[in-house]
Amino acid sequence: CRMCGQCVLHSTGMTCPMTCPKTLRNGPCGGVRENGNCEVIPDMQCVWLKAYDRKVFLPLPTVWKDHFNELRPPVDMRLQGTSSWINLVTKRDQQTPAGWSTTDGAH
């Protein structure tokens, strides 16, 4: 666990997107190699290709699989090192930091 405080394992085929060298939370970058490996760490499979494969082949609940294509906000670094479960229950992980805009234009 990278202790980001905003766990999304359930929606990424039980693959942590924080293990991506670029910490991308919404799919692969444009640098995935032809063999499916990472451009930053050439010996490592792209985290997002692994996540997709797992989403397809693991016996996960359908509702979790449906979350795979949802757009996730950037990591809120203020939550790093905190409990994802507590942040989920208290909705702390759903607060929009000052200066960020939401999809509906509210702040």
PDB file of N, CA and C in Angstrom:
ATOM      1  N   CYS A   1       0.832  -1.177   0.000  1.00  0.00           N
ATOM      2  CA  CYS A   1       0.000   0.000   0.000  1.00  0.00           C
ATOM      3  C   CYS A   1       0.882   1.247   0.000  1.00  0.00           C
ATOM      4  N   ARG A   2       0.519   2.196  -0.837  1.00  0.00           N
ATOM      5  CA  ARG A   2       1.263   3.457  -0.921  1.00  0.00           C
ATOM      6  C   ARG A   2       0.690   4.516   0.009  1.00  0.00           C
ATOM      7  N   MET A   3      -0.342   4.151   0.774  1.00  0.00           N
ATOM      8  CA  MET A   3      -0.940   5.039   1.782  1.00  0.00           C
ATOM      9  C   MET A   3      -1.382   6.388   1.203  1.00  0.00           C
ATOM     10  N   CYS A   4      -2.073   6.332   0.064  1.00  0.00           N
ATOM     11  CA  CYS A   4      -2.539   7.574  -0.558  1.00  0.00           C
ATOM     12  C   CYS A   4      -3.742   8.161   0.171  1.00  0.00           C
ATOM     13  N   GLY A   5      -4.455   7.332   0.939  1.00  0.00           N
ATOM     14  CA  GLY A   5      -5.627   7.807   1.658  1.00  0.00           C
ATOM     15  C   GLY A   5      -6.882   7.840   0.814  1.00  0.00           C
ATOM     16  N   GLN A   6      -6.784   7.392  -0.444  1.00  0.00           N
ATOM     17  CA  GLN A   6      -7.926   7.399  -1.358  1.00  0.00           C
ATOM     18  C   GLN A   6      -7.917   6.117  -2.184  1.00  0.00           C
ATOM     19  N   CYS A   7      -8.074   4.990  -1.530  1.00  0.00           N
ATOM     20  CA  CYS A   7      -7.950   3.690  -2.176  1.00  0.00           C
ATOM     21  C   CYS A   7      -9.029   3.488  -3.243  1.00  0.00           C
ATOM     22  N   VAL A   8      -8.607   3.042  -4.407  1.00  0.00           N
ATOM     23  CA  VAL A   8      -9.534   2.745  -5.497  1.00  0.00           C
ATOM     24  C   VAL A   8      -9.341   1.320  -6.016  1.00  0.00           C
ATOM     25  N   LEU A   9      -8.745   0.451  -5.199  1.00  0.00           N
ATOM     26  CA  LEU A   9      -8.489  -0.926  -5.621  1.00  0.00           C
ATOM     27  C   LEU A   9      -9.738  -1.612  -6.159  1.00  0.00           C
ATOM     28  N   HIS A  10     -10.876  -1.361  -5.532  1.00  0.00           N
ATOM     29  CA  HIS A  10     -12.110  -2.022  -5.954  1.00  0.00           C
ATOM     30  C   HIS A  10     -12.475  -1.681  -7.401  1.00  0.00           C
ATOM     31  N   SER A  11     -12.068  -0.518  -7.872  1.00  0.00           N
ATOM     32  CA  SER A  11     -12.451  -0.100  -9.223  1.00  0.00           C
ATOM     33  C   SER A  11     -11.333  -0.263 -10.243  1.00  0.00           C
ATOM     34  N   THR A  12     -10.210  -0.816  -9.826  1.00  0.00           N
ATOM     35  CA  THR A  12      -9.075  -0.981 -10.751  1.00  0.00           C
ATOM     36  C   THR A  12      -8.580  -2.424 -10.768  1.00  0.00           C
ATOM     37  N   GLY A  13      -9.510  -3.366 -10.686  1.00  0.00           N
ATOM     38  CA  GLY A  13      -9.129  -4.768 -10.758  1.00  0.00           C
ATOM     39  C   GLY A  13      -8.176  -5.178  -9.654  1.00  0.00           C
ATOM     40  N   MET A  14      -8.299  -4.560  -8.486  1.00  0.00           N
ATOM     41  CA  MET A  14      -7.438  -4.837  -7.332  1.00  0.00           C
ATOM     42  C   MET A  14      -5.969  -4.539  -7.636  1.00  0.00           C
ATOM     43  N   THR A  15      -5.731  -3.591  -8.533  1.00  0.00           N
ATOM     44  CA  THR A  15      -4.385  -3.140  -8.887  1.00  0.00           C
ATOM     45  C   THR A  15      -4.258  -1.685  -8.457  1.00  0.00           C
ATOM     46  N   CYS A  16      -3.251  -1.377  -7.663  1.00  0.00           N
ATOM     47  CA  CYS A  16      -3.101  -0.014  -7.152  1.00  0.00           C
ATOM     48  C   CYS A  16      -2.499   0.905  -8.215  1.00  0.00           C
ATOM     49  N   PRO A  17      -3.230   1.950  -8.643  1.00  0.00           N
ATOM     50  CA  PRO A  17      -2.682   2.864  -9.632  1.00  0.00           C
ATOM     51  C   PRO A  17      -1.508   3.678  -9.103  1.00  0.00           C
ATOM     52  N   MET A  18      -1.354   3.727  -7.786  1.00  0.00           N
ATOM     53  CA  MET A  18      -0.235   4.471  -7.212  1.00  0.00           C
ATOM     54  C   MET A  18       1.091   3.751  -7.449  1.00  0.00           C
ATOM     55  N   THR A  19       1.040   2.500  -7.918  1.00  0.00           N
ATOM     56  CA  THR A  19       2.278   1.798  -8.258  1.00  0.00           C
ATOM     57  C   THR A  19       2.770   2.198  -9.641  1.00  0.00           C
ATOM     58  N   CYS A  20       1.976   2.956 -10.378  1.00  0.00           N
ATOM     59  CA  CYS A  20       2.427   3.525 -11.652  1.00  0.00           C
ATOM     60  C   CYS A  20       3.505   4.555 -11.322  1.00  0.00           C
ATOM     61  N   PRO A  21       4.652   4.507 -11.999  1.00  0.00           N
ATOM     62  CA  PRO A  21       5.710   5.481 -11.711  1.00  0.00           C
ATOM     63  C   PRO A  21       5.251   6.937 -11.849  1.00  0.00           C
ATOM     64  N   LYS A  22       4.218   7.163 -12.655  1.00  0.00           N
ATOM     65  CA  LYS A  22       3.687   8.514 -12.829  1.00  0.00           C
ATOM     66  C   LYS A  22       2.467   8.753 -11.932  1.00  0.00           C
ATOM     67  N   THR A  23       2.102   7.766 -11.133  1.00  0.00           N
ATOM     68  CA  THR A  23       0.935   7.793 -10.242  1.00  0.00           C
ATOM     69  C   THR A  23      -0.338   8.252 -10.960  1.00  0.00           C
ATOM     70  N   LEU A  24      -0.540   7.750 -12.165  1.00  0.00           N
ATOM     71  CA  LEU A  24      -1.729   8.098 -12.934  1.00  0.00           C
ATOM     72  C   LEU A  24      -2.931   7.318 -12.419  1.00  0.00           C
ATOM     73  N   ARG A  25      -4.027   8.007 -12.187  1.00  0.00           N
ATOM     74  CA  ARG A  25      -5.224   7.372 -11.620  1.00  0.00           C
ATOM     75  C   ARG A  25      -6.351   7.206 -12.616  1.00  0.00           C
ATOM     76  N   ASN A  26      -6.147   7.585 -13.867  1.00  0.00           N
ATOM     77  CA  ASN A  26      -7.223   7.502 -14.856  1.00  0.00           C
ATOM     78  C   ASN A  26      -6.799   6.837 -16.147  1.00  0.00           C
ATOM     79  N   GLY A  27      -6.006   5.811 -16.046  1.00  0.00           N
ATOM     80  CA  GLY A  27      -5.621   5.072 -17.242  1.00  0.00           C
ATOM     81  C   GLY A  27      -4.185   5.326 -17.637  1.00  0.00           C
ATOM     82  N   PRO A  28      -3.739   4.582 -18.634  1.00  0.00           N
ATOM     83  CA  PRO A  28      -2.328   4.634 -19.013  1.00  0.00           C
ATOM     84  C   PRO A  28      -1.945   5.949 -19.682  1.00  0.00           C
ATOM     85  N   CYS A  29      -0.667   6.271 -19.576  1.00  0.00           N
ATOM     86  CA  CYS A  29      -0.133   7.447 -20.262  1.00  0.00           C
ATOM     87  C   CYS A  29       0.045   7.096 -21.741  1.00  0.00           C
ATOM     88  N   GLY A  30       0.550   7.992 -22.498  1.00  0.00           N
ATOM     89  CA  GLY A  30       0.780   7.738 -23.916  1.00  0.00           C
ATOM     90  C   GLY A  30       2.072   7.002 -24.187  1.00  0.00           C
ATOM     91  N   GLY A  31       2.774   6.604 -23.135  1.00  0.00           N
ATOM     92  CA  GLY A  31       4.083   5.992 -23.319  1.00  0.00           C
ATOM     93  C   GLY A  31       4.139   4.496 -23.090  1.00  0.00           C
ATOM     94  N   VAL A  32       2.993   3.827 -23.122  1.00  0.00           N
ATOM     95  CA  VAL A  32       3.006   2.372 -22.951  1.00  0.00           C
ATOM     96  C   VAL A  32       3.728   1.766 -24.150  1.00  0.00           C
ATOM     97  N   ARG A  33       4.684   0.907 -23.866  1.00  0.00           N
ATOM     98  CA  ARG A  33       5.467   0.281 -24.927  1.00  0.00           C
ATOM     99  C   ARG A  33       4.623  -0.732 -25.698  1.00  0.00           C
ATOM    100  N   GLU A  34       5.089  -1.065 -26.884  1.00  0.00           N
ATOM    101  CA  GLU A  34       4.370  -1.998 -27.749  1.00  0.00           C
ATOM    102  C   GLU A  34       4.113  -3.341 -27.059  1.00  0.00           C
ATOM    103  N   ASN A  35       5.028  -3.749 -26.192  1.00  0.00           N
ATOM    104  CA  ASN A  35       4.867  -5.029 -25.489  1.00  0.00           C
ATOM    105  C   ASN A  35       3.998  -4.899 -24.232  1.00  0.00           C
ATOM    106  N   GLY A  36       3.453  -3.699 -23.973  1.00  0.00           N
ATOM    107  CA  GLY A  36       2.587  -3.487 -22.821  1.00  0.00           C
ATOM    108  C   GLY A  36       3.319  -3.068 -21.562  1.00  0.00           C
ATOM    109  N   ASN A  37       4.607  -2.846 -21.669  1.00  0.00           N
ATOM    110  CA  ASN A  37       5.389  -2.445 -20.499  1.00  0.00           C
ATOM    111  C   ASN A  37       5.436  -0.930 -20.359  1.00  0.00           C
ATOM    112  N   CYS A  38       5.859  -0.512 -19.193  1.00  0.00           N
ATOM    113  CA  CYS A  38       5.934   0.892 -18.799  1.00  0.00           C
ATOM    114  C   CYS A  38       7.094   1.596 -19.509  1.00  0.00           C
ATOM    115  N   GLU A  39       6.893   2.863 -19.891  1.00  0.00           N
ATOM    116  CA  GLU A  39       7.986   3.610 -20.516  1.00  0.00           C
ATOM    117  C   GLU A  39       9.029   4.039 -19.493  1.00  0.00           C
ATOM    118  N   VAL A  40       8.629   4.203 -18.235  1.00  0.00           N
ATOM    119  CA  VAL A  40       9.551   4.651 -17.195  1.00  0.00           C
ATOM    120  C   VAL A  40      10.377   3.485 -16.659  1.00  0.00           C
ATOM    121  N   ILE A  41       9.717   2.361 -16.414  1.00  0.00           N
ATOM    122  CA  ILE A  41      10.385   1.146 -15.931  1.00  0.00           C
ATOM    123  C   ILE A  41      10.133   0.058 -16.972  1.00  0.00           C
ATOM    124  N   PRO A  42      11.007  -0.066 -17.963  1.00  0.00           N
ATOM    125  CA  PRO A  42      10.765  -0.955 -19.103  1.00  0.00           C
ATOM    126  C   PRO A  42      10.527  -2.423 -18.762  1.00  0.00           C
ATOM    127  N   ASP A  43      10.990  -2.891 -17.608  1.00  0.00           N
ATOM    128  CA  ASP A  43      10.785  -4.296 -17.237  1.00  0.00           C
ATOM    129  C   ASP A  43       9.455  -4.533 -16.525  1.00  0.00           C
ATOM    130  N   MET A  44       8.686  -3.472 -16.296  1.00  0.00           N
ATOM    131  CA  MET A  44       7.427  -3.582 -15.556  1.00  0.00           C
ATOM    132  C   MET A  44       6.241  -3.468 -16.508  1.00  0.00           C
ATOM    133  N   GLN A  45       5.258  -4.362 -16.343  1.00  0.00           N
ATOM    134  CA  GLN A  45       4.037  -4.254 -17.132  1.00  0.00           C
ATOM    135  C   GLN A  45       3.306  -2.974 -16.729  1.00  0.00           C
ATOM    136  N   CYS A  46       2.697  -2.308 -17.693  1.00  0.00           N
ATOM    137  CA  CYS A  46       1.910  -1.111 -17.398  1.00  0.00           C
ATOM    138  C   CYS A  46       0.851  -1.454 -16.353  1.00  0.00           C
ATOM    139  N   VAL A  47       0.802  -0.668 -15.307  1.00  0.00           N
ATOM    140  CA  VAL A  47      -0.145  -0.885 -14.216  1.00  0.00           C
ATOM    141  C   VAL A  47      -1.576  -0.906 -14.743  1.00  0.00           C
ATOM    142  N   TRP A  48      -1.875  -0.037 -15.701  1.00  0.00           N
ATOM    143  CA  TRP A  48      -3.245   0.053 -16.204  1.00  0.00           C
ATOM    144  C   TRP A  48      -3.619  -1.105 -17.110  1.00  0.00           C
ATOM    145  N   LEU A  49      -2.664  -1.673 -17.824  1.00  0.00           N
ATOM    146  CA  LEU A  49      -2.968  -2.877 -18.605  1.00  0.00           C
ATOM    147  C   LEU A  49      -3.239  -4.044 -17.657  1.00  0.00           C
ATOM    148  N   LYS A  50      -2.453  -4.118 -16.590  1.00  0.00           N
ATOM    149  CA  LYS A  50      -2.675  -5.153 -15.569  1.00  0.00           C
ATOM    150  C   LYS A  50      -4.049  -4.959 -14.920  1.00  0.00           C
ATOM    151  N   ALA A  51      -4.394  -3.722 -14.609  1.00  0.00           N
ATOM    152  CA  ALA A  51      -5.689  -3.432 -13.985  1.00  0.00           C
ATOM    153  C   ALA A  51      -6.833  -3.852 -14.904  1.00  0.00           C
ATOM    154  N   TYR A  52      -6.701  -3.559 -16.189  1.00  0.00           N
ATOM    155  CA  TYR A  52      -7.761  -3.931 -17.132  1.00  0.00           C
ATOM    156  C   TYR A  52      -7.897  -5.446 -17.223  1.00  0.00           C
ATOM    157  N   ASP A  53      -6.769  -6.133 -17.355  1.00  0.00           N
ATOM    158  CA  ASP A  53      -6.806  -7.600 -17.424  1.00  0.00           C
ATOM    159  C   ASP A  53      -7.477  -8.183 -16.191  1.00  0.00           C
ATOM    160  N   ARG A  54      -7.131  -7.672 -15.034  1.00  0.00           N
ATOM    161  CA  ARG A  54      -7.719  -8.179 -13.797  1.00  0.00           C
ATOM    162  C   ARG A  54      -9.207  -7.852 -13.715  1.00  0.00           C
ATOM    163  N   LYS A  55      -9.583  -6.670 -14.174  1.00  0.00           N
ATOM    164  CA  LYS A  55     -11.004  -6.300 -14.163  1.00  0.00           C
ATOM    165  C   LYS A  55     -11.811  -7.285 -14.995  1.00  0.00           C
ATOM    166  N   VAL A  56     -11.247  -7.693 -16.116  1.00  0.00           N
ATOM    167  CA  VAL A  56     -11.947  -8.609 -17.016  1.00  0.00           C
ATOM    168  C   VAL A  56     -11.985 -10.032 -16.456  1.00  0.00           C
ATOM    169  N   PHE A  57     -10.869 -10.500 -15.917  1.00  0.00           N
ATOM    170  CA  PHE A  57     -10.752 -11.918 -15.588  1.00  0.00           C
ATOM    171  C   PHE A  57     -10.993 -12.291 -14.128  1.00  0.00           C
ATOM    172  N   LEU A  58     -10.851 -11.363 -13.190  1.00  0.00           N
ATOM    173  CA  LEU A  58     -11.105 -11.699 -11.788  1.00  0.00           C
ATOM    174  C   LEU A  58     -12.611 -11.752 -11.526  1.00  0.00           C
ATOM    175  N   PRO A  59     -13.044 -12.624 -10.637  1.00  0.00           N
ATOM    176  CA  PRO A  59     -14.476 -12.704 -10.320  1.00  0.00           C
ATOM    177  C   PRO A  59     -14.897 -11.592  -9.352  1.00  0.00           C
ATOM    178  N   LEU A  60     -14.793 -10.358  -9.809  1.00  0.00           N
ATOM    179  CA  LEU A  60     -15.150  -9.199  -8.985  1.00  0.00           C
ATOM    180  C   LEU A  60     -16.632  -8.878  -9.161  1.00  0.00           C
ATOM    181  N   PRO A  61     -17.254  -8.241  -8.173  1.00  0.00           N
ATOM    182  CA  PRO A  61     -18.654  -7.829  -8.330  1.00  0.00           C
ATOM    183  C   PRO A  61     -18.811  -6.900  -9.537  1.00  0.00           C
ATOM    184  N   THR A  62     -19.910  -7.042 -10.254  1.00  0.00           N
ATOM    185  CA  THR A  62     -20.157  -6.236 -11.452  1.00  0.00           C
ATOM    186  C   THR A  62     -20.099  -4.746 -11.153  1.00  0.00           C
ATOM    187  N   VAL A  63     -20.625  -4.340 -10.012  1.00  0.00           N
ATOM    188  CA  VAL A  63     -20.626  -2.915  -9.675  1.00  0.00           C
ATOM    189  C   VAL A  63     -19.195  -2.379  -9.593  1.00  0.00           C
ATOM    190  N   TRP A  64     -18.256  -3.179  -9.108  1.00  0.00           N
ATOM    191  CA  TRP A  64     -16.859  -2.748  -9.065  1.00  0.00           C
ATOM    192  C   TRP A  64     -16.305  -2.647 -10.474  1.00  0.00           C
ATOM    193  N   LYS A  65     -16.637  -3.612 -11.319  1.00  0.00           N
ATOM    194  CA  LYS A  65     -16.142  -3.583 -12.701  1.00  0.00           C
ATOM    195  C   LYS A  65     -16.674  -2.354 -13.435  1.00  0.00           C
ATOM    196  N   ASP A  66     -17.907  -1.966 -13.115  1.00  0.00           N
ATOM    197  CA  ASP A  66     -18.506  -0.791 -13.754  1.00  0.00           C
ATOM    198  C   ASP A  66     -17.795   0.501 -13.362  1.00  0.00           C
ATOM    199  N   HIS A  67     -17.124   0.524 -12.213  1.00  0.00           N
ATOM    200  CA  HIS A  67     -16.401   1.718 -11.761  1.00  0.00           C
ATOM    201  C   HIS A  67     -15.097   1.931 -12.517  1.00  0.00           C
ATOM    202  N   PHE A  68     -14.648   0.930 -13.260  1.00  0.00           N
ATOM    203  CA  PHE A  68     -13.341   0.999 -13.918  1.00  0.00           C
ATOM    204  C   PHE A  68     -13.211   2.232 -14.817  1.00  0.00           C
ATOM    205  N   ASN A  69     -14.257   2.570 -15.546  1.00  0.00           N
ATOM    206  CA  ASN A  69     -14.187   3.673 -16.511  1.00  0.00           C
ATOM    207  C   ASN A  69     -14.569   5.033 -15.938  1.00  0.00           C
ATOM    208  N   GLU A  70     -14.835   5.099 -14.641  1.00  0.00           N
ATOM    209  CA  GLU A  70     -15.174   6.388 -14.035  1.00  0.00           C
ATOM    210  C   GLU A  70     -13.935   7.265 -13.906  1.00  0.00           C
ATOM    211  N   LEU A  71     -14.107   8.541 -14.165  1.00  0.00           N
ATOM    212  CA  LEU A  71     -13.015   9.501 -14.035  1.00  0.00           C
ATOM    213  C   LEU A  71     -12.772   9.791 -12.559  1.00  0.00           C
ATOM    214  N   ARG A  72     -11.532   9.632 -12.136  1.00  0.00           N
ATOM    215  CA  ARG A  72     -11.165   9.867 -10.741  1.00  0.00           C
ATOM    216  C   ARG A  72     -10.440  11.202 -10.617  1.00  0.00           C
ATOM    217  N   PRO A  73     -10.682  11.931  -9.534  1.00  0.00           N
ATOM    218  CA  PRO A  73      -9.943  13.184  -9.340  1.00  0.00           C
ATOM    219  C   PRO A  73      -8.480  12.888  -9.040  1.00  0.00           C
ATOM    220  N   PRO A  74      -7.608  13.865  -9.217  1.00  0.00           N
ATOM    221  CA  PRO A  74      -6.205  13.658  -8.842  1.00  0.00           C
ATOM    222  C   PRO A  74      -6.102  13.320  -7.361  1.00  0.00           C
ATOM    223  N   VAL A  75      -5.013  12.719  -6.989  1.00  0.00           N
ATOM    224  CA  VAL A  75      -4.790  12.368  -5.593  1.00  0.00           C
ATOM    225  C   VAL A  75      -4.719  13.644  -4.761  1.00  0.00           C
ATOM    226  N   ASP A  76      -5.459  13.653  -3.680  1.00  0.00           N
ATOM    227  CA  ASP A  76      -5.407  14.769  -2.737  1.00  0.00           C
ATOM    228  C   ASP A  76      -4.278  14.451  -1.763  1.00  0.00           C
ATOM    229  N   MET A  77      -3.136  15.066  -1.959  1.00  0.00           N
ATOM    230  CA  MET A  77      -1.945  14.749  -1.168  1.00  0.00           C
ATOM    231  C   MET A  77      -2.118  15.057   0.316  1.00  0.00           C
ATOM    232  N   ARG A  78      -3.135  15.833   0.665  1.00  0.00           N
ATOM    233  CA  ARG A  78      -3.400  16.092   2.086  1.00  0.00           C
ATOM    234  C   ARG A  78      -3.825  14.823   2.816  1.00  0.00           C
ATOM    235  N   LEU A  79      -4.310  13.831   2.071  1.00  0.00           N
ATOM    236  CA  LEU A  79      -4.794  12.595   2.682  1.00  0.00           C
ATOM    237  C   LEU A  79      -3.722  11.518   2.774  1.00  0.00           C
ATOM    238  N   GLN A  80      -2.559  11.771   2.202  1.00  0.00           N
ATOM    239  CA  GLN A  80      -1.499  10.769   2.214  1.00  0.00           C
ATOM    240  C   GLN A  80      -1.163  10.365   3.647  1.00  0.00           C
ATOM    241  N   GLY A  81      -1.072   9.054   3.861  1.00  0.00           N
ATOM    242  CA  GLY A  81      -0.738   8.527   5.178  1.00  0.00           C
ATOM    243  C   GLY A  81      -1.934   8.365   6.104  1.00  0.00           C
ATOM    244  N   THR A  82      -3.133   8.680   5.610  1.00  0.00           N
ATOM    245  CA  THR A  82      -4.334   8.519   6.428  1.00  0.00           C
ATOM    246  C   THR A  82      -5.089   7.266   5.992  1.00  0.00           C
ATOM    247  N   SER A  83      -6.062   6.863   6.767  1.00  0.00           N
ATOM    248  CA  SER A  83      -6.832   5.654   6.495  1.00  0.00           C
ATOM    249  C   SER A  83      -7.862   5.883   5.394  1.00  0.00           C
ATOM    250  N   SER A  84      -7.775   5.092   4.342  1.00  0.00           N
ATOM    251  CA  SER A  84      -8.757   5.192   3.258  1.00  0.00           C
ATOM    252  C   SER A  84     -10.162   4.885   3.750  1.00  0.00           C
ATOM    253  N   TRP A  85     -10.287   3.920   4.664  1.00  0.00           N
ATOM    254  CA  TRP A  85     -11.605   3.544   5.179  1.00  0.00           C
ATOM    255  C   TRP A  85     -12.235   4.695   5.954  1.00  0.00           C
ATOM    256  N   ILE A  86     -11.475   5.324   6.815  1.00  0.00           N
ATOM    257  CA  ILE A  86     -12.009   6.456   7.582  1.00  0.00           C
ATOM    258  C   ILE A  86     -12.338   7.610   6.641  1.00  0.00           C
ATOM    259  N   ASN A  87     -11.487   7.854   5.668  1.00  0.00           N
ATOM    260  CA  ASN A  87     -11.742   8.932   4.707  1.00  0.00           C
ATOM    261  C   ASN A  87     -13.004   8.664   3.897  1.00  0.00           C
ATOM    262  N   LEU A  88     -13.259   7.391   3.574  1.00  0.00           N
ATOM    263  CA  LEU A  88     -14.465   7.025   2.835  1.00  0.00           C
ATOM    264  C   LEU A  88     -15.709   7.239   3.694  1.00  0.00           C
ATOM    265  N   VAL A  89     -15.683   6.733   4.915  1.00  0.00           N
ATOM    266  CA  VAL A  89     -16.838   6.828   5.815  1.00  0.00           C
ATOM    267  C   VAL A  89     -17.158   8.284   6.158  1.00  0.00           C
ATOM    268  N   THR A  90     -16.136   9.102   6.368  1.00  0.00           N
ATOM    269  CA  THR A  90     -16.354  10.508   6.732  1.00  0.00           C
ATOM    270  C   THR A  90     -16.505  11.414   5.510  1.00  0.00           C
ATOM    271  N   LYS A  91     -16.373  10.824   4.316  1.00  0.00           N
ATOM    272  CA  LYS A  91     -16.448  11.548   3.033  1.00  0.00           C
ATOM    273  C   LYS A  91     -15.329  12.573   2.872  1.00  0.00           C
ATOM    274  N   ARG A  92     -14.308  12.433   3.662  1.00  0.00           N
ATOM    275  CA  ARG A  92     -13.150  13.329   3.550  1.00  0.00           C
ATOM    276  C   ARG A  92     -12.482  13.179   2.186  1.00  0.00           C
ATOM    277  N   ASP A  93     -12.541  11.968   1.620  1.00  0.00           N
ATOM    278  CA  ASP A  93     -11.919  11.729   0.322  1.00  0.00           C
ATOM    279  C   ASP A  93     -12.761  12.260  -0.834  1.00  0.00           C
ATOM    280  N   GLN A  94     -13.928  12.817  -0.527  1.00  0.00           N
ATOM    281  CA  GLN A  94     -14.797  13.361  -1.571  1.00  0.00           C
ATOM    282  C   GLN A  94     -14.863  14.882  -1.536  1.00  0.00           C
ATOM    283  N   GLN A  95     -14.070  15.509  -0.687  1.00  0.00           N
ATOM    284  CA  GLN A  95     -14.058  16.966  -0.589  1.00  0.00           C
ATOM    285  C   GLN A  95     -13.176  17.546  -1.692  1.00  0.00           C
ATOM    286  N   THR A  96     -13.643  18.612  -2.301  1.00  0.00           N
ATOM    287  CA  THR A  96     -12.878  19.276  -3.342  1.00  0.00           C
ATOM    288  C   THR A  96     -11.951  20.302  -2.700  1.00  0.00           C
ATOM    289  N   PRO A  97     -10.635  20.122  -2.853  1.00  0.00           N
ATOM    290  CA  PRO A  97      -9.699  21.086  -2.268  1.00  0.00           C
ATOM    291  C   PRO A  97      -9.888  22.484  -2.856  1.00  0.00           C
ATOM    292  N   ALA A  98      -9.559  23.492  -2.086  1.00  0.00           N
ATOM    293  CA  ALA A  98      -9.651  24.879  -2.542  1.00  0.00           C
ATOM    294  C   ALA A  98      -8.850  25.048  -3.829  1.00  0.00           C
ATOM    295  N   GLY A  99      -9.444  25.703  -4.806  1.00  0.00           N
ATOM    296  CA  GLY A  99      -8.762  25.953  -6.068  1.00  0.00           C
ATOM    297  C   GLY A  99      -9.052  24.917  -7.139  1.00  0.00           C
ATOM    298  N   TRP A 100      -9.604  23.772  -6.763  1.00  0.00           N
ATOM    299  CA  TRP A 100      -9.974  22.755  -7.749  1.00  0.00           C
ATOM    300  C   TRP A 100     -11.406  23.000  -8.169  1.00  0.00           C
ATOM    301  N   SER A 101     -11.715  22.767  -9.411  1.00  0.00           N
ATOM    302  CA  SER A 101     -13.111  22.868  -9.803  1.00  0.00           C
ATOM    303  C   SER A 101     -13.673  21.472  -9.989  1.00  0.00           C
ATOM    304  N   THR A 102     -14.972  21.370  -9.815  1.00  0.00           N
ATOM    305  CA  THR A 102     -15.657  20.099  -9.986  1.00  0.00           C
ATOM    306  C   THR A 102     -16.275  20.065 -11.370  1.00  0.00           C
ATOM    307  N   THR A 103     -16.803  18.920 -11.757  1.00  0.00           N
ATOM    308  CA  THR A 103     -17.390  18.788 -13.089  1.00  0.00           C
ATOM    309  C   THR A 103     -18.641  19.630 -13.253  1.00  0.00           C
ATOM    310  N   ASP A 104     -19.312  19.963 -12.143  1.00  0.00           N
ATOM    311  CA  ASP A 104     -20.523  20.771 -12.255  1.00  0.00           C
ATOM    312  C   ASP A 104     -20.251  22.271 -12.094  1.00  0.00           C
ATOM    313  N   GLY A 105     -18.977  22.638 -11.956  1.00  0.00           N
ATOM    314  CA  GLY A 105     -18.608  24.040 -11.849  1.00  0.00           C
ATOM    315  C   GLY A 105     -18.630  24.579 -10.433  1.00  0.00           C
ATOM    316  N   ALA A 106     -19.104  23.775  -9.481  1.00  0.00           N
ATOM    317  CA  ALA A 106     -19.135  24.217  -8.078  1.00  0.00           C
ATOM    318  C   ALA A 106     -17.749  24.097  -7.467  1.00  0.00           C
ATOM    319  N   HIS A 107     -17.523  24.750  -6.347  1.00  0.00           N
ATOM    320  CA  HIS A 107     -16.237  24.662  -5.629  1.00  0.00           C
ATOM    321  C   HIS A 107     -16.453  24.164  -4.230  1.00  0.00           C
TER     322      HIS A 107
END
